[in-house]
Structure formats: structure tokens, C-alpha cells
N, C-alpha and C. Protein backbone atom coordinates (compact mmCIF):
# COMPACT_ATOMS: atom_id res chain seq x y z
N MET A 1 15.94 223.48 103.93
CA MET A 1 17.13 224.17 104.40
C MET A 1 17.98 223.27 105.28
N LYS A 2 17.31 222.51 106.18
CA LYS A 2 18.05 221.62 107.06
C LYS A 2 18.75 220.52 106.28
N SER A 3 18.08 219.99 105.25
CA SER A 3 18.70 218.91 104.48
C SER A 3 19.89 219.43 103.68
N ARG A 4 19.83 220.67 103.22
CA ARG A 4 20.95 221.26 102.48
C ARG A 4 22.15 221.45 103.42
N THR A 5 21.91 221.91 104.63
CA THR A 5 22.99 222.09 105.62
C THR A 5 23.59 220.74 105.99
N PHE A 6 22.72 219.74 106.18
CA PHE A 6 23.21 218.40 106.52
C PHE A 6 24.07 217.84 105.39
N LEU A 7 23.62 218.00 104.15
CA LEU A 7 24.37 217.51 103.00
C LEU A 7 25.72 218.22 102.89
N LEU A 8 25.74 219.52 103.12
CA LEU A 8 26.98 220.28 103.07
C LEU A 8 27.95 219.80 104.14
N LEU A 9 27.46 219.59 105.35
CA LEU A 9 28.31 219.08 106.43
C LEU A 9 28.82 217.68 106.14
N LEU A 10 27.98 216.85 105.55
CA LEU A 10 28.38 215.50 105.20
C LEU A 10 29.50 215.50 104.16
N VAL A 11 29.37 216.32 103.13
CA VAL A 11 30.40 216.41 102.10
C VAL A 11 31.69 216.98 102.68
N ALA A 12 31.58 218.03 103.49
CA ALA A 12 32.78 218.62 104.10
C ALA A 12 33.47 217.62 105.01
N GLY A 13 32.72 216.85 105.76
CA GLY A 13 33.30 215.83 106.63
C GLY A 13 34.00 214.76 105.83
N GLY A 14 33.43 214.36 104.71
CA GLY A 14 34.07 213.36 103.85
C GLY A 14 35.37 213.85 103.27
N VAL A 15 35.40 215.10 102.83
CA VAL A 15 36.63 215.69 102.29
C VAL A 15 37.69 215.77 103.37
N PHE A 16 37.30 216.19 104.57
CA PHE A 16 38.24 216.30 105.68
C PHE A 16 38.81 214.93 106.05
N THR A 17 37.95 213.93 106.08
CA THR A 17 38.39 212.57 106.42
C THR A 17 39.36 212.05 105.36
N GLN A 18 39.08 212.30 104.11
CA GLN A 18 39.97 211.86 103.04
C GLN A 18 41.34 212.52 103.16
N SER A 19 41.38 213.80 103.51
CA SER A 19 42.67 214.48 103.64
C SER A 19 43.46 213.92 104.81
N LEU A 20 42.78 213.56 105.91
CA LEU A 20 43.47 212.94 107.05
C LEU A 20 44.03 211.58 106.68
N LEU A 21 43.25 210.79 105.96
CA LEU A 21 43.73 209.47 105.55
C LEU A 21 44.93 209.58 104.63
N ALA A 22 44.93 210.56 103.75
CA ALA A 22 46.06 210.75 102.85
C ALA A 22 47.31 211.13 103.62
N GLN A 23 47.17 211.92 104.67
CA GLN A 23 48.33 212.33 105.46
C GLN A 23 48.89 211.17 106.26
N THR A 24 48.04 210.33 106.82
CA THR A 24 48.53 209.24 107.66
C THR A 24 49.11 208.11 106.84
N SER A 25 48.69 207.96 105.59
CA SER A 25 49.23 206.88 104.78
C SER A 25 50.58 207.23 104.17
N ALA A 26 50.95 208.51 104.20
CA ALA A 26 52.26 208.91 103.67
C ALA A 26 53.35 208.40 104.60
N GLU A 27 54.46 208.01 104.02
CA GLU A 27 55.59 207.50 104.81
C GLU A 27 56.25 208.65 105.56
N ILE A 28 56.52 208.44 106.83
CA ILE A 28 57.16 209.45 107.65
C ILE A 28 58.63 209.11 107.76
N ASP A 29 59.49 210.06 107.44
CA ASP A 29 60.93 209.84 107.49
C ASP A 29 61.53 210.78 108.52
N ILE A 30 61.92 210.23 109.67
CA ILE A 30 62.53 211.02 110.73
C ILE A 30 63.98 210.60 110.85
N THR A 31 64.89 211.54 110.64
CA THR A 31 66.31 211.21 110.73
C THR A 31 66.73 211.14 112.19
N PHE A 32 67.58 210.18 112.50
CA PHE A 32 68.07 210.03 113.86
C PHE A 32 69.45 209.38 113.83
N LYS A 33 70.15 209.51 114.95
CA LYS A 33 71.44 208.85 115.14
C LYS A 33 71.29 207.89 116.31
N LYS A 34 71.86 206.71 116.18
CA LYS A 34 71.78 205.71 117.23
C LYS A 34 73.18 205.43 117.76
N PHE A 35 73.32 205.47 119.08
CA PHE A 35 74.59 205.21 119.73
C PHE A 35 74.37 204.11 120.76
N VAL A 36 75.32 203.20 120.88
CA VAL A 36 75.31 202.20 121.94
C VAL A 36 76.58 202.40 122.75
N LEU A 37 76.43 202.76 124.02
CA LEU A 37 77.58 203.02 124.88
C LEU A 37 78.19 201.71 125.36
N HIS A 38 79.38 201.79 125.93
CA HIS A 38 80.10 200.61 126.41
C HIS A 38 79.32 199.85 127.48
N ASN A 39 78.50 200.56 128.24
CA ASN A 39 77.73 199.90 129.30
C ASN A 39 76.41 199.31 128.79
N GLY A 40 76.18 199.38 127.48
CA GLY A 40 74.98 198.80 126.89
C GLY A 40 73.83 199.77 126.72
N LEU A 41 73.96 200.98 127.24
CA LEU A 41 72.91 201.98 127.11
C LEU A 41 72.78 202.40 125.64
N THR A 42 71.58 202.35 125.12
CA THR A 42 71.32 202.74 123.74
C THR A 42 70.72 204.14 123.73
N LEU A 43 71.30 205.02 122.93
CA LEU A 43 70.80 206.39 122.77
C LEU A 43 70.30 206.56 121.35
N ILE A 44 69.14 207.14 121.20
CA ILE A 44 68.62 207.51 119.89
C ILE A 44 68.39 209.01 119.94
N VAL A 45 69.06 209.74 119.05
CA VAL A 45 69.04 211.20 119.08
C VAL A 45 68.44 211.72 117.77
N HIS A 46 67.46 212.59 117.92
CA HIS A 46 66.86 213.29 116.77
C HIS A 46 66.95 214.78 117.05
N GLU A 47 67.60 215.51 116.19
CA GLU A 47 67.72 216.96 116.38
C GLU A 47 66.74 217.68 115.46
N ASP A 48 66.02 218.63 116.03
CA ASP A 48 65.08 219.46 115.28
C ASP A 48 65.17 220.86 115.87
N HIS A 49 65.73 221.78 115.14
CA HIS A 49 66.00 223.12 115.66
C HIS A 49 64.90 224.13 115.31
N LYS A 50 63.69 223.66 115.04
CA LYS A 50 62.58 224.56 114.70
C LYS A 50 62.11 225.36 115.91
N ALA A 51 62.27 224.81 117.10
CA ALA A 51 61.83 225.49 118.32
C ALA A 51 62.86 225.23 119.42
N PRO A 52 63.03 226.19 120.34
CA PRO A 52 64.01 226.02 121.42
C PRO A 52 63.48 225.13 122.55
N ILE A 53 63.25 223.87 122.23
CA ILE A 53 62.65 222.92 123.17
C ILE A 53 63.52 221.67 123.23
N VAL A 54 63.62 221.10 124.41
CA VAL A 54 64.31 219.83 124.59
C VAL A 54 63.32 218.83 125.16
N ALA A 55 63.29 217.65 124.59
CA ALA A 55 62.44 216.57 125.12
C ALA A 55 63.32 215.35 125.36
N VAL A 56 63.14 214.73 126.50
CA VAL A 56 63.92 213.55 126.86
C VAL A 56 62.95 212.43 127.23
N ASN A 57 63.10 211.29 126.61
CA ASN A 57 62.31 210.10 126.94
C ASN A 57 63.26 209.03 127.45
N VAL A 58 62.90 208.39 128.54
CA VAL A 58 63.71 207.32 129.11
C VAL A 58 62.84 206.06 129.15
N TRP A 59 63.31 205.02 128.51
CA TRP A 59 62.60 203.75 128.49
C TRP A 59 63.47 202.70 129.14
N TYR A 60 62.91 201.93 130.02
CA TYR A 60 63.59 200.81 130.66
C TYR A 60 62.96 199.52 130.13
N HIS A 61 63.77 198.63 129.63
CA HIS A 61 63.26 197.36 129.11
C HIS A 61 63.17 196.33 130.23
N VAL A 62 62.50 196.71 131.29
CA VAL A 62 62.26 195.83 132.43
C VAL A 62 60.86 196.12 132.95
N GLY A 63 60.39 195.29 133.80
CA GLY A 63 59.08 195.52 134.39
C GLY A 63 58.49 194.23 134.89
N SER A 64 57.19 194.24 135.06
CA SER A 64 56.52 193.06 135.61
C SER A 64 56.67 191.85 134.69
N LYS A 65 56.88 192.09 133.40
CA LYS A 65 57.07 190.96 132.47
C LYS A 65 58.36 190.21 132.76
N SER A 66 59.31 190.85 133.44
CA SER A 66 60.60 190.22 133.74
C SER A 66 60.62 189.57 135.12
N GLU A 67 59.55 189.70 135.89
CA GLU A 67 59.54 189.15 137.24
C GLU A 67 59.31 187.64 137.22
N LYS A 68 59.87 186.99 138.22
CA LYS A 68 59.75 185.54 138.34
C LYS A 68 58.63 185.21 139.33
N PRO A 69 57.99 184.07 139.17
CA PRO A 69 56.94 183.67 140.12
C PRO A 69 57.49 183.62 141.54
N GLY A 70 56.73 184.16 142.46
CA GLY A 70 57.15 184.21 143.86
C GLY A 70 57.91 185.47 144.21
N LYS A 71 58.36 186.21 143.21
CA LYS A 71 59.08 187.47 143.45
C LYS A 71 58.44 188.55 142.58
N THR A 72 57.19 188.82 142.84
CA THR A 72 56.48 189.82 142.04
C THR A 72 56.28 191.09 142.84
N GLY A 73 56.05 192.18 142.13
CA GLY A 73 55.80 193.46 142.78
C GLY A 73 57.01 194.37 142.83
N PHE A 74 58.18 193.84 142.51
CA PHE A 74 59.39 194.67 142.59
C PHE A 74 59.39 195.79 141.54
N ALA A 75 58.90 195.51 140.35
CA ALA A 75 58.86 196.55 139.31
C ALA A 75 58.00 197.72 139.77
N HIS A 76 56.88 197.42 140.38
CA HIS A 76 56.00 198.48 140.87
C HIS A 76 56.65 199.25 142.02
N LEU A 77 57.33 198.53 142.90
CA LEU A 77 58.04 199.18 144.01
C LEU A 77 59.12 200.11 143.48
N PHE A 78 59.93 199.64 142.53
CA PHE A 78 61.01 200.46 141.99
C PHE A 78 60.46 201.67 141.23
N GLU A 79 59.30 201.51 140.60
CA GLU A 79 58.66 202.65 139.94
C GLU A 79 58.38 203.75 140.95
N HIS A 80 57.83 203.38 142.10
CA HIS A 80 57.54 204.38 143.13
C HIS A 80 58.83 204.97 143.70
N LEU A 81 59.85 204.15 143.87
CA LEU A 81 61.11 204.66 144.40
C LEU A 81 61.77 205.64 143.44
N MET A 82 61.70 205.36 142.13
CA MET A 82 62.36 206.21 141.15
C MET A 82 61.61 207.51 140.90
N PHE A 83 60.30 207.45 140.83
CA PHE A 83 59.53 208.61 140.40
C PHE A 83 58.71 209.25 141.51
N GLY A 84 58.71 208.66 142.69
CA GLY A 84 57.91 209.19 143.78
C GLY A 84 58.58 210.33 144.53
N GLY A 85 59.87 210.48 144.36
CA GLY A 85 60.57 211.53 145.09
C GLY A 85 60.94 211.08 146.49
N SER A 86 61.64 211.93 147.19
CA SER A 86 62.10 211.61 148.53
C SER A 86 62.27 212.90 149.32
N GLU A 87 62.12 212.81 150.62
CA GLU A 87 62.37 213.97 151.47
C GLU A 87 63.86 214.22 151.62
N HIS A 88 64.69 213.24 151.28
CA HIS A 88 66.13 213.33 151.51
C HIS A 88 66.92 213.64 150.24
N ALA A 89 66.27 213.77 149.10
CA ALA A 89 67.01 214.03 147.87
C ALA A 89 66.42 215.22 147.14
């Protein structure tokens, strides 16, 4: 009985894994619009009206990789200043 249950679980797991692999190998096509403002800010907009939800992602192409020797730690400091909040704002 135990070997039959084990075999059934093994086959079911294999079928499930195959279906996941088939889904991930399919090409994903997400439509979007790209805008570059006069100040250099790039916007990528994807509209999906299936649910009344708004999501905003902000990426900065700066950080510790942009720091010069002798002037390190500023990216980490600015991270805390931007996202740490303030008693005055």
C-alpha cells in the first residue's frame, strides 16, 4: 500500500513539474509604453484594468557602484534619508 501511494505521488509530482516547466518556457508578452521626459526621466507604463489596483516602482540607477574611492557610504546615507522618514515632513 505504501509503495502504491509513493508511486502515485511520484507520478503526480512529475506531471505537476512538467506543467510548470511548460508554463515558464512560454514567451511572455507584456504590452507597455515607454516615455522619456525632457529631464531624462524614463517612464514605463503598463495598464491592466483587471483589478482596481495601482502599483508604482521607482528605480534609481545610482548606488554604491557609482561611488568613488574615498567618498563611500553616501548611497547608504541617502537611502536612509529618502526612505527613513522625518519628524518634520
